[in-house]
Amino acid sequence: MLVKQGCAKSVSFGTTTTIRLGNQQSQDISCPGNGKAQRLDNDIIAIVKALNVVNVPKG
């Protein structure tokens, strides 16, 4: 099942970010106002804090 829902993006620089599991694919989670994407982002932030993950680029 493929779910598509568009949002306005630059044609030359626009990207699409989706999550795929099996034959299912999310809508573009980088679209502004995507509630599911915001909840996912909040969950990721909570996991990173709980695991004390520090994302520092290597020199």
Protein backbone atom coordinates (compact mmCIF):
# COMPACT_ATOMS: atom_id res chain seq x y z
CA MET A 1 0.00 0.00 0.00
CA LEU A 2 1.48 3.33 -1.02
CA VAL A 3 0.17 6.48 0.60
CA LYS A 4 0.99 9.77 -1.09
CA GLN A 5 0.12 13.21 0.10
CA GLY A 6 1.96 16.14 -1.41
CA CYS A 7 3.21 19.35 0.04
CA ALA A 8 4.83 22.37 -1.57
CA LYS A 9 8.59 21.99 -2.03
CA SER A 10 11.28 23.38 -4.28
CA VAL A 11 11.46 21.40 -7.51
CA SER A 12 15.23 21.63 -7.72
CA PHE A 13 16.08 21.12 -4.03
CA GLY A 14 12.99 19.44 -2.59
CA THR A 15 13.42 16.06 -0.96
CA THR A 16 10.97 13.44 0.21
CA THR A 17 11.40 11.50 3.43
CA THR A 18 9.30 8.39 3.91
CA ILE A 19 9.27 5.31 6.11
CA ARG A 20 8.78 1.92 4.47
CA LEU A 21 7.92 -1.33 6.22
CA GLY A 22 7.13 -4.33 4.05
CA ASN A 23 4.75 -3.17 1.35
CA GLN A 24 3.59 -0.10 3.29
CA GLN A 25 5.05 3.36 2.89
CA SER A 26 4.29 6.51 4.85
CA GLN A 27 3.46 9.84 3.34
CA ASP A 28 6.27 12.38 3.18
CA ILE A 29 7.14 12.93 6.84
CA SER A 30 9.17 16.04 6.02
CA CYS A 31 6.01 17.98 5.10
CA PRO A 32 5.19 20.77 7.54
CA GLY A 33 2.26 20.05 9.80
CA ASN A 34 2.61 16.27 9.66
CA GLY A 35 1.37 15.21 13.12
CA LYS A 36 2.69 11.66 12.88
CA ALA A 37 6.14 12.92 11.91
CA GLN A 38 6.12 15.35 14.85
CA ARG A 39 5.24 12.53 17.26
CA LEU A 40 8.00 10.38 15.75
CA ASP A 41 10.48 13.23 16.17
CA ASN A 42 9.41 13.67 19.81
CA ASP A 43 9.89 9.92 20.42
CA ILE A 44 13.36 10.01 18.85
CA ILE A 45 14.36 12.98 21.01
CA ALA A 46 13.15 11.16 24.14
CA ILE A 47 15.08 7.99 23.20
CA VAL A 48 18.25 9.97 22.48
CA LYS A 49 17.98 11.70 25.86
CA ALA A 50 17.24 8.44 27.71
CA LEU A 51 20.24 6.70 26.14
CA ASN A 52 22.45 9.78 26.55
CA VAL A 53 23.39 9.71 22.86
CA VAL A 54 25.68 12.51 21.75
CA ASN A 55 25.88 13.15 18.02
CA VAL A 56 29.22 14.82 17.44
CA PRO A 57 30.79 14.81 13.98
CA LYS A 58 34.24 13.27 13.83
CA GLY A 59 37.04 15.82 13.45
